[in-house]
N, C-alpha and C. Protein backbone atom coordinates (compact mmCIF):
# COMPACT_ATOMS: atom_id res chain seq x y z
N UNK A 1 -30.24 19.35 18.47
CA UNK A 1 -28.91 19.74 18.90
C UNK A 1 -28.52 18.99 20.18
N UNK A 2 -27.30 19.14 20.55
CA UNK A 2 -26.79 18.45 21.72
C UNK A 2 -26.90 19.28 22.99
N UNK A 3 -27.47 20.46 22.92
CA UNK A 3 -27.56 21.32 24.09
C UNK A 3 -28.58 20.82 25.10
N UNK A 4 -29.60 20.11 24.66
CA UNK A 4 -30.65 19.66 25.57
C UNK A 4 -30.08 18.74 26.65
N UNK A 5 -29.26 17.74 26.34
CA UNK A 5 -28.70 16.93 27.42
C UNK A 5 -27.80 17.75 28.35
N UNK A 6 -27.08 18.73 27.80
CA UNK A 6 -26.22 19.56 28.64
C UNK A 6 -27.03 20.42 29.60
N UNK A 7 -28.17 20.92 29.14
CA UNK A 7 -29.03 21.69 30.02
C UNK A 7 -29.56 20.81 31.14
N UNK A 8 -29.94 19.59 30.80
CA UNK A 8 -30.42 18.65 31.83
C UNK A 8 -29.35 18.34 32.86
N UNK A 9 -28.12 18.14 32.40
CA UNK A 9 -27.02 17.89 33.33
C UNK A 9 -26.74 19.13 34.19
N UNK A 10 -26.86 20.30 33.60
CA UNK A 10 -26.64 21.53 34.37
C UNK A 10 -27.70 21.69 35.46
N UNK A 11 -28.95 21.36 35.14
CA UNK A 11 -30.02 21.46 36.14
C UNK A 11 -29.78 20.45 37.27
N UNK A 12 -29.42 19.24 36.92
CA UNK A 12 -29.15 18.22 37.95
C UNK A 12 -27.96 18.64 38.81
N UNK A 13 -26.91 19.14 38.17
CA UNK A 13 -25.74 19.61 38.91
C UNK A 13 -26.08 20.77 39.83
N UNK A 14 -26.92 21.69 39.37
CA UNK A 14 -27.33 22.82 40.20
C UNK A 14 -28.12 22.35 41.41
N UNK A 15 -29.02 21.40 41.22
CA UNK A 15 -29.80 20.87 42.35
C UNK A 15 -28.89 20.21 43.37
N UNK A 16 -27.93 19.43 42.91
CA UNK A 16 -26.99 18.75 43.83
C UNK A 16 -26.18 19.78 44.60
N UNK A 17 -25.66 20.80 43.91
CA UNK A 17 -24.87 21.84 44.59
C UNK A 17 -25.73 22.61 45.59
N UNK A 18 -26.96 22.94 45.21
CA UNK A 18 -27.85 23.68 46.12
C UNK A 18 -28.15 22.87 47.38
N UNK A 19 -28.39 21.59 47.23
CA UNK A 19 -28.66 20.75 48.40
C UNK A 19 -27.43 20.68 49.30
N UNK A 20 -26.26 20.51 48.70
CA UNK A 20 -25.03 20.44 49.49
C UNK A 20 -24.78 21.74 50.24
N UNK A 21 -24.99 22.88 49.58
CA UNK A 21 -24.78 24.17 50.23
C UNK A 21 -25.82 24.38 51.33
N UNK A 22 -27.07 24.00 51.09
CA UNK A 22 -28.09 24.14 52.12
C UNK A 22 -27.75 23.31 53.35
N UNK A 23 -27.31 22.07 53.14
CA UNK A 23 -26.95 21.23 54.28
C UNK A 23 -25.77 21.83 55.04
N UNK A 24 -24.79 22.37 54.32
CA UNK A 24 -23.63 22.99 54.99
C UNK A 24 -24.05 24.22 55.79
N UNK A 25 -24.92 25.05 55.22
CA UNK A 25 -25.40 26.24 55.94
C UNK A 25 -26.24 25.81 57.14
N UNK A 26 -27.09 24.82 56.96
CA UNK A 26 -27.96 24.37 58.05
C UNK A 26 -27.13 23.80 59.20
N UNK A 27 -26.05 23.11 58.89
CA UNK A 27 -25.21 22.58 59.97
C UNK A 27 -24.49 23.68 60.72
N UNK A 28 -24.16 24.77 60.04
CA UNK A 28 -23.41 25.83 60.73
C UNK A 28 -24.32 26.80 61.47
N UNK A 29 -25.52 27.12 60.98
CA UNK A 29 -26.38 28.09 61.67
C UNK A 29 -27.64 27.46 62.24
N UNK A 30 -27.93 26.25 61.88
CA UNK A 30 -29.14 25.59 62.36
C UNK A 30 -30.15 25.46 61.23
N UNK A 31 -30.96 24.40 61.31
CA UNK A 31 -31.91 24.10 60.24
C UNK A 31 -32.99 25.16 60.13
N UNK A 32 -33.49 25.65 61.25
CA UNK A 32 -34.56 26.64 61.21
C UNK A 32 -34.08 27.95 60.59
N UNK A 33 -32.89 28.40 60.96
CA UNK A 33 -32.36 29.65 60.41
C UNK A 33 -32.05 29.50 58.92
N UNK A 34 -31.53 28.36 58.54
CA UNK A 34 -31.23 28.13 57.13
C UNK A 34 -32.51 28.12 56.30
N UNK A 35 -33.54 27.47 56.81
CA UNK A 35 -34.82 27.43 56.10
C UNK A 35 -35.44 28.82 56.03
N UNK A 36 -35.35 29.59 57.12
CA UNK A 36 -35.89 30.96 57.13
C UNK A 36 -35.14 31.85 56.14
N UNK A 37 -33.83 31.71 56.07
CA UNK A 37 -33.04 32.50 55.11
C UNK A 37 -33.39 32.12 53.68
N UNK A 38 -33.58 30.83 53.45
CA UNK A 38 -33.96 30.36 52.12
C UNK A 38 -35.31 30.93 51.70
N UNK A 39 -36.27 30.93 52.62
CA UNK A 39 -37.58 31.50 52.33
C UNK A 39 -37.50 33.00 52.10
N UNK A 40 -36.66 33.70 52.86
CA UNK A 40 -36.52 35.15 52.71
C UNK A 40 -35.93 35.51 51.35
N UNK A 41 -34.91 34.77 50.93
CA UNK A 41 -34.29 35.04 49.63
C UNK A 41 -35.28 34.76 48.51
N UNK A 42 -36.02 33.68 48.61
CA UNK A 42 -37.01 33.35 47.58
C UNK A 42 -38.15 34.36 47.56
N UNK A 43 -38.57 34.83 48.73
CA UNK A 43 -39.63 35.84 48.78
C UNK A 43 -39.16 37.15 48.16
N UNK A 44 -37.91 37.52 48.41
CA UNK A 44 -37.35 38.72 47.79
C UNK A 44 -37.34 38.59 46.28
N UNK A 45 -36.94 37.44 45.78
CA UNK A 45 -36.95 37.20 44.34
C UNK A 45 -38.35 37.24 43.77
N UNK A 46 -39.30 36.64 44.47
CA UNK A 46 -40.69 36.67 44.02
C UNK A 46 -41.25 38.08 43.99
N UNK A 47 -40.80 38.93 44.91
CA UNK A 47 -41.23 40.31 44.93
C UNK A 47 -40.59 41.11 43.79
N UNK A 48 -39.34 40.78 43.45
CA UNK A 48 -38.61 41.52 42.42
C UNK A 48 -39.00 41.13 40.99
N UNK A 49 -39.43 39.92 40.76
CA UNK A 49 -39.71 39.46 39.39
C UNK A 49 -40.72 40.36 38.68
N UNK A 50 -41.90 40.61 39.23
CA UNK A 50 -42.82 41.46 38.48
C UNK A 50 -42.32 42.90 38.33
N UNK A 51 -41.62 43.40 39.33
CA UNK A 51 -41.11 44.77 39.25
C UNK A 51 -40.05 44.92 38.17
N UNK A 52 -39.18 43.93 38.04
CA UNK A 52 -38.16 43.99 37.00
C UNK A 52 -38.79 43.86 35.61
N UNK A 53 -39.80 43.02 35.50
CA UNK A 53 -40.49 42.87 34.21
C UNK A 53 -41.19 44.15 33.79
N UNK A 54 -41.89 44.79 34.72
CA UNK A 54 -42.58 46.04 34.42
C UNK A 54 -41.57 47.14 34.11
N UNK A 55 -40.48 47.19 34.85
CA UNK A 55 -39.44 48.20 34.62
C UNK A 55 -38.84 48.04 33.22
N UNK A 56 -38.56 46.81 32.84
CA UNK A 56 -38.00 46.56 31.51
C UNK A 56 -39.00 46.96 30.42
N UNK A 57 -40.26 46.63 30.63
CA UNK A 57 -41.29 46.96 29.64
C UNK A 57 -41.41 48.47 29.49
N UNK A 58 -41.41 49.22 30.59
CA UNK A 58 -41.53 50.68 30.52
C UNK A 58 -40.32 51.31 29.83
N UNK A 59 -39.14 50.81 30.12
CA UNK A 59 -37.95 51.35 29.46
C UNK A 59 -37.95 51.04 27.97
N UNK A 60 -38.45 49.87 27.59
CA UNK A 60 -38.58 49.52 26.18
C UNK A 60 -39.55 50.46 25.49
N UNK A 61 -40.71 50.71 26.12
CA UNK A 61 -41.70 51.60 25.52
C UNK A 61 -41.17 53.02 25.38
N UNK A 62 -40.44 53.50 26.38
CA UNK A 62 -39.88 54.85 26.32
C UNK A 62 -38.86 54.96 25.19
N UNK A 63 -38.02 53.95 25.02
CA UNK A 63 -37.03 53.97 23.94
C UNK A 63 -37.72 53.91 22.58
N UNK A 64 -38.76 53.10 22.47
CA UNK A 64 -39.48 53.00 21.20
C UNK A 64 -40.22 54.30 20.89
N UNK A 65 -40.75 54.97 21.91
CA UNK A 65 -41.46 56.23 21.69
C UNK A 65 -40.50 57.33 21.24
N UNK A 66 -39.26 57.28 21.68
CA UNK A 66 -38.27 58.30 21.31
C UNK A 66 -37.50 57.90 20.05
N UNK A 67 -37.91 56.83 19.39
CA UNK A 67 -37.23 56.33 18.18
C UNK A 67 -35.77 56.01 18.42
N UNK A 68 -35.46 55.48 19.60
CA UNK A 68 -34.10 55.01 19.90
C UNK A 68 -34.10 53.50 19.73
N UNK A 69 -32.93 52.96 19.51
CA UNK A 69 -32.80 51.50 19.44
C UNK A 69 -33.07 50.93 20.83
N UNK A 70 -34.05 50.04 20.99
CA UNK A 70 -34.45 49.58 22.31
C UNK A 70 -33.60 48.44 22.87
N UNK A 71 -32.61 47.99 22.15
CA UNK A 71 -31.87 46.80 22.56
C UNK A 71 -31.18 46.93 23.89
N UNK A 72 -30.57 48.07 24.18
CA UNK A 72 -29.86 48.27 25.44
C UNK A 72 -30.82 48.15 26.62
N UNK A 73 -31.99 48.76 26.52
CA UNK A 73 -32.98 48.69 27.59
C UNK A 73 -33.52 47.27 27.74
N UNK A 74 -33.71 46.61 26.61
CA UNK A 74 -34.23 45.24 26.65
C UNK A 74 -33.23 44.31 27.32
N UNK A 75 -31.97 44.40 26.94
CA UNK A 75 -30.98 43.50 27.54
C UNK A 75 -30.74 43.82 29.01
N UNK A 76 -30.78 45.10 29.37
CA UNK A 76 -30.64 45.46 30.77
C UNK A 76 -31.82 44.92 31.58
N UNK A 77 -33.03 45.04 31.03
CA UNK A 77 -34.21 44.49 31.69
C UNK A 77 -34.16 42.98 31.76
N UNK A 78 -33.65 42.35 30.71
CA UNK A 78 -33.54 40.88 30.70
C UNK A 78 -32.57 40.40 31.76
N UNK A 79 -31.44 41.10 31.90
CA UNK A 79 -30.47 40.72 32.94
C UNK A 79 -31.07 40.90 34.33
N UNK A 80 -31.81 42.01 34.53
CA UNK A 80 -32.48 42.22 35.82
C UNK A 80 -33.53 41.17 36.10
N UNK A 81 -34.28 40.79 35.07
CA UNK A 81 -35.30 39.76 35.24
C UNK A 81 -34.67 38.40 35.53
N UNK A 82 -33.56 38.09 34.87
CA UNK A 82 -32.86 36.84 35.16
C UNK A 82 -32.35 36.84 36.60
N UNK A 83 -31.80 37.98 37.04
CA UNK A 83 -31.34 38.09 38.43
C UNK A 83 -32.47 37.87 39.41
N UNK A 84 -33.64 38.47 39.14
CA UNK A 84 -34.79 38.29 40.03
C UNK A 84 -35.28 36.85 40.02
N UNK A 85 -35.28 36.21 38.83
CA UNK A 85 -35.70 34.81 38.76
C UNK A 85 -34.73 33.90 39.51
N UNK A 86 -33.43 34.20 39.43
CA UNK A 86 -32.46 33.40 40.18
C UNK A 86 -32.64 33.58 41.68
N UNK A 87 -33.04 34.78 42.10
CA UNK A 87 -33.33 34.99 43.52
C UNK A 87 -34.59 34.22 43.93
N UNK A 88 -35.57 34.13 43.03
CA UNK A 88 -36.82 33.46 43.36
C UNK A 88 -36.67 31.95 43.47
N UNK A 89 -35.70 31.39 42.75
CA UNK A 89 -35.47 29.95 42.82
C UNK A 89 -34.91 29.63 44.20
N UNK A 90 -35.49 28.66 44.91
CA UNK A 90 -34.97 28.36 46.25
C UNK A 90 -33.55 27.80 46.19
N UNK A 91 -32.66 28.48 46.84
CA UNK A 91 -31.28 28.02 46.89
C UNK A 91 -30.35 29.18 47.19
N UNK A 92 -29.27 28.89 47.89
CA UNK A 92 -28.33 29.94 48.25
C UNK A 92 -27.41 30.31 47.10
N UNK A 93 -26.99 29.33 46.31
CA UNK A 93 -26.08 29.61 45.21
C UNK A 93 -26.79 30.42 44.12
N UNK A 94 -27.98 30.00 43.73
CA UNK A 94 -28.73 30.75 42.72
C UNK A 94 -29.11 32.12 43.26
N UNK A 95 -29.43 32.21 44.54
CA UNK A 95 -29.73 33.51 45.15
C UNK A 95 -28.54 34.44 45.12
N UNK A 96 -27.36 33.89 45.39
CA UNK A 96 -26.14 34.70 45.34
C UNK A 96 -25.85 35.17 43.92
N UNK A 97 -26.02 34.28 42.93
CA UNK A 97 -25.83 34.68 41.54
C UNK A 97 -26.86 35.73 41.11
N UNK A 98 -28.10 35.56 41.55
CA UNK A 98 -29.14 36.54 41.22
C UNK A 98 -28.87 37.89 41.85
N UNK A 99 -28.42 37.89 43.10
CA UNK A 99 -28.09 39.16 43.75
C UNK A 99 -26.88 39.82 43.09
N UNK A 100 -25.94 39.01 42.63
CA UNK A 100 -24.76 39.56 41.96
C UNK A 100 -25.13 40.26 40.66
N UNK A 101 -26.20 39.80 40.01
CA UNK A 101 -26.62 40.45 38.76
C UNK A 101 -27.23 41.83 39.00
N UNK A 102 -27.48 42.19 40.24
CA UNK A 102 -27.97 43.53 40.55
C UNK A 102 -26.82 44.49 40.85
N UNK A 103 -25.61 43.98 41.00
CA UNK A 103 -24.45 44.85 41.18
C UNK A 103 -24.15 45.51 39.83
N UNK A 104 -23.92 46.82 39.81
CA UNK A 104 -23.77 47.52 38.52
C UNK A 104 -22.66 46.97 37.62
N UNK A 105 -21.52 46.63 38.18
CA UNK A 105 -20.41 46.16 37.35
C UNK A 105 -20.75 44.82 36.69
N UNK A 106 -21.26 43.87 37.47
CA UNK A 106 -21.59 42.56 36.92
C UNK A 106 -22.79 42.65 35.99
N UNK A 107 -23.71 43.54 36.30
CA UNK A 107 -24.89 43.69 35.44
C UNK A 107 -24.49 44.21 34.07
N UNK A 108 -23.60 45.22 34.02
CA UNK A 108 -23.17 45.74 32.72
C UNK A 108 -22.36 44.69 31.97
N UNK A 109 -21.55 43.91 32.68
CA UNK A 109 -20.79 42.83 32.03
C UNK A 109 -21.75 41.80 31.43
N UNK A 110 -22.77 41.39 32.19
CA UNK A 110 -23.73 40.41 31.69
C UNK A 110 -24.53 40.98 30.52
N UNK A 111 -24.90 42.26 30.61
CA UNK A 111 -25.62 42.90 29.51
C UNK A 111 -24.77 42.91 28.24
N UNK A 112 -23.49 43.24 28.37
CA UNK A 112 -22.61 43.24 27.20
C UNK A 112 -22.46 41.85 26.61
N UNK A 113 -22.38 40.84 27.47
CA UNK A 113 -22.27 39.46 26.98
C UNK A 113 -23.53 39.04 26.22
N UNK A 114 -24.70 39.42 26.74
CA UNK A 114 -25.96 39.10 26.05
C UNK A 114 -25.99 39.80 24.70
N UNK A 115 -25.59 41.07 24.67
CA UNK A 115 -25.59 41.81 23.41
C UNK A 115 -24.64 41.18 22.40
N UNK A 116 -23.46 40.80 22.84
CA UNK A 116 -22.51 40.16 21.92
C UNK A 116 -23.06 38.84 21.39
N UNK A 117 -23.72 38.09 22.26
CA UNK A 117 -24.30 36.83 21.82
C UNK A 117 -25.39 37.05 20.78
N UNK A 118 -26.22 38.06 20.99
CA UNK A 118 -27.27 38.37 20.02
C UNK A 118 -26.64 38.83 18.71
N UNK A 119 -25.61 39.66 18.79
CA UNK A 119 -24.94 40.13 17.58
C UNK A 119 -24.31 38.98 16.81
N UNK A 120 -23.77 38.02 17.53
CA UNK A 120 -23.12 36.88 16.89
C UNK A 120 -24.12 35.97 16.19
N UNK A 121 -25.33 35.86 16.75
CA UNK A 121 -26.31 34.91 16.22
C UNK A 121 -27.37 35.56 15.34
N UNK A 122 -27.27 36.85 15.07
CA UNK A 122 -28.22 37.51 14.19
C UNK A 122 -27.46 38.24 13.09
N UNK A 123 -28.20 38.77 12.17
CA UNK A 123 -27.58 39.51 11.07
C UNK A 123 -27.09 40.87 11.58
N UNK A 124 -26.09 41.45 10.95
CA UNK A 124 -25.61 42.77 11.36
C UNK A 124 -26.69 43.84 11.28
N UNK A 125 -27.59 43.72 10.31
CA UNK A 125 -28.66 44.70 10.18
C UNK A 125 -29.60 44.63 11.38
N UNK A 126 -29.99 43.43 11.77
CA UNK A 126 -30.88 43.28 12.92
C UNK A 126 -30.19 43.75 14.20
N UNK A 127 -28.93 43.41 14.37
CA UNK A 127 -28.20 43.86 15.55
C UNK A 127 -28.10 45.38 15.58
N UNK A 128 -27.89 46.00 14.42
CA UNK A 128 -27.85 47.45 14.36
C UNK A 128 -29.19 48.07 14.68
N UNK A 129 -30.28 47.44 14.24
CA UNK A 129 -31.61 47.95 14.56
C UNK A 129 -31.93 47.80 16.04
N UNK A 130 -31.43 46.73 16.66
CA UNK A 130 -31.71 46.50 18.08
C UNK A 130 -30.87 47.40 18.97
N UNK A 131 -29.58 47.48 18.70
CA UNK A 131 -28.67 48.13 19.62
C UNK A 131 -28.15 49.47 19.13
N UNK A 132 -28.57 49.90 17.95
CA UNK A 132 -28.12 51.17 17.42
C UNK A 132 -26.78 51.04 16.74
N UNK A 133 -26.28 52.15 16.20
CA UNK A 133 -25.01 52.07 15.48
C UNK A 133 -23.88 51.71 16.43
N UNK A 134 -22.96 50.95 15.92
CA UNK A 134 -21.80 50.53 16.70
C UNK A 134 -20.59 51.30 16.27
N UNK A 135 -19.71 51.57 17.19
CA UNK A 135 -18.43 52.19 16.86
C UNK A 135 -17.43 51.07 16.61
N UNK A 136 -16.80 51.15 15.49
CA UNK A 136 -15.79 50.15 15.16
C UNK A 136 -14.48 50.86 14.90
N UNK A 137 -13.41 50.20 15.20
CA UNK A 137 -12.09 50.74 14.88
C UNK A 137 -11.57 49.98 13.68
N UNK A 138 -11.09 50.71 12.71
CA UNK A 138 -10.54 50.11 11.52
C UNK A 138 -9.07 50.51 11.47
N UNK A 139 -8.22 49.53 11.38
CA UNK A 139 -6.77 49.80 11.31
C UNK A 139 -6.32 49.67 9.87
N UNK A 140 -5.57 50.62 9.47
CA UNK A 140 -4.99 50.57 8.14
C UNK A 140 -3.72 49.74 8.21
N UNK A 141 -3.63 48.78 7.35
CA UNK A 141 -2.43 47.94 7.32
C UNK A 141 -1.82 48.01 5.94
N UNK A 142 -0.57 47.81 5.91
CA UNK A 142 0.14 47.78 4.63
C UNK A 142 0.00 46.39 4.03
N UNK A 143 -0.26 46.34 2.76
CA UNK A 143 -0.37 45.06 2.08
C UNK A 143 1.03 44.47 1.92
N UNK A 144 1.12 43.17 1.83
CA UNK A 144 2.42 42.51 1.71
C UNK A 144 2.87 42.42 0.25
N UNK A 145 2.24 43.19 -0.62
CA UNK A 145 2.62 43.19 -2.03
C UNK A 145 3.84 44.08 -2.23
N UNK A 146 4.45 44.05 -3.42
CA UNK A 146 5.61 44.89 -3.66
C UNK A 146 5.25 46.37 -3.46
N UNK A 147 6.23 47.15 -3.06
CA UNK A 147 5.93 48.55 -2.79
C UNK A 147 5.44 49.26 -4.05
N UNK A 148 4.48 50.11 -3.84
CA UNK A 148 3.94 50.90 -4.94
C UNK A 148 4.22 52.37 -4.66
N UNK A 149 4.07 53.21 -5.64
CA UNK A 149 4.33 54.63 -5.37
C UNK A 149 3.36 55.14 -4.33
N UNK A 150 3.80 56.05 -3.48
CA UNK A 150 2.92 56.53 -2.41
C UNK A 150 1.71 57.25 -3.00
N UNK A 151 0.55 56.98 -2.45
CA UNK A 151 -0.66 57.63 -2.96
C UNK A 151 -0.68 59.10 -2.54
N UNK A 152 -1.38 59.88 -3.31
CA UNK A 152 -1.49 61.30 -2.97
C UNK A 152 -2.49 61.53 -1.86
N UNK A 153 -3.48 60.68 -1.76
CA UNK A 153 -4.45 60.76 -0.66
C UNK A 153 -4.53 59.39 -0.01
N UNK A 154 -4.92 59.36 1.27
CA UNK A 154 -4.99 58.05 1.92
C UNK A 154 -6.03 57.16 1.25
N UNK A 155 -5.74 55.86 1.17
CA UNK A 155 -6.70 54.96 0.54
C UNK A 155 -7.96 54.89 1.39
N UNK A 156 -9.11 54.67 0.76
CA UNK A 156 -10.35 54.56 1.54
C UNK A 156 -10.31 53.31 2.41
N UNK A 157 -10.86 53.44 3.60
CA UNK A 157 -10.91 52.33 4.54
C UNK A 157 -12.33 51.78 4.53
N UNK A 158 -12.46 50.48 4.36
CA UNK A 158 -13.77 49.87 4.28
C UNK A 158 -14.17 49.33 5.65
N UNK A 159 -15.41 49.55 5.99
CA UNK A 159 -15.99 48.98 7.20
C UNK A 159 -17.35 48.42 6.82
N UNK A 160 -17.69 47.30 7.40
CA UNK A 160 -18.97 46.69 7.07
C UNK A 160 -20.10 47.49 7.68
N UNK A 161 -19.98 47.84 8.95
CA UNK A 161 -21.02 48.60 9.61
C UNK A 161 -20.42 49.43 10.70
N UNK A 162 -20.97 50.58 10.92
CA UNK A 162 -20.49 51.44 11.99
C UNK A 162 -19.86 52.68 11.40
N UNK A 163 -19.21 53.42 12.25
CA UNK A 163 -18.53 54.60 11.75
C UNK A 163 -17.04 54.42 11.93
N UNK A 164 -16.28 55.07 11.10
CA UNK A 164 -14.84 54.92 11.13
C UNK A 164 -14.27 55.94 12.10
N UNK A 165 -13.48 55.48 13.03
CA UNK A 165 -12.84 56.33 14.00
C UNK A 165 -11.38 56.43 13.60
N UNK A 166 -10.94 57.63 13.24
CA UNK A 166 -9.56 57.83 12.82
C UNK A 166 -8.77 58.34 14.00
N UNK A 167 -7.79 57.59 14.46
CA UNK A 167 -7.01 57.97 15.63
C UNK A 167 -5.89 58.93 15.32
N UNK A 168 -5.63 59.18 14.03
CA UNK A 168 -4.50 60.05 13.70
C UNK A 168 -4.87 61.52 13.80
């Protein structure tokens, strides 16, 4: 696939941006303070990585023991682990992105994006097994065919997966 060259360009671009931001921070606060802050952020990330991994594993085991779909716990743990890894990577920009993934609003947004990506790239059955039943809204629409006599009961509404939520 063509993603490999794009990943390489993204890594090179990230390194260039990190160096530029480090130089800018070092010029404004001093080289020693900038280096100390960089080490502190990386040490925090290094401390968080194993804790986030263990936390995700425990939440996965608890969900599996209760016969719940473990996908939500897995994706939440994955987002936390990615945040900790970004903090561990030396750099202010990656550290800021990693810290942002610990904010509840951004973490839930990232978790939802990961879940949607998994749902898009896997079968509906597997996604249902991972994340549990999904609520879907089904809208009844009128067909553009000639009018027919009104039915005595509403026509059945088909949904591929999930439960039908009737707003009426």
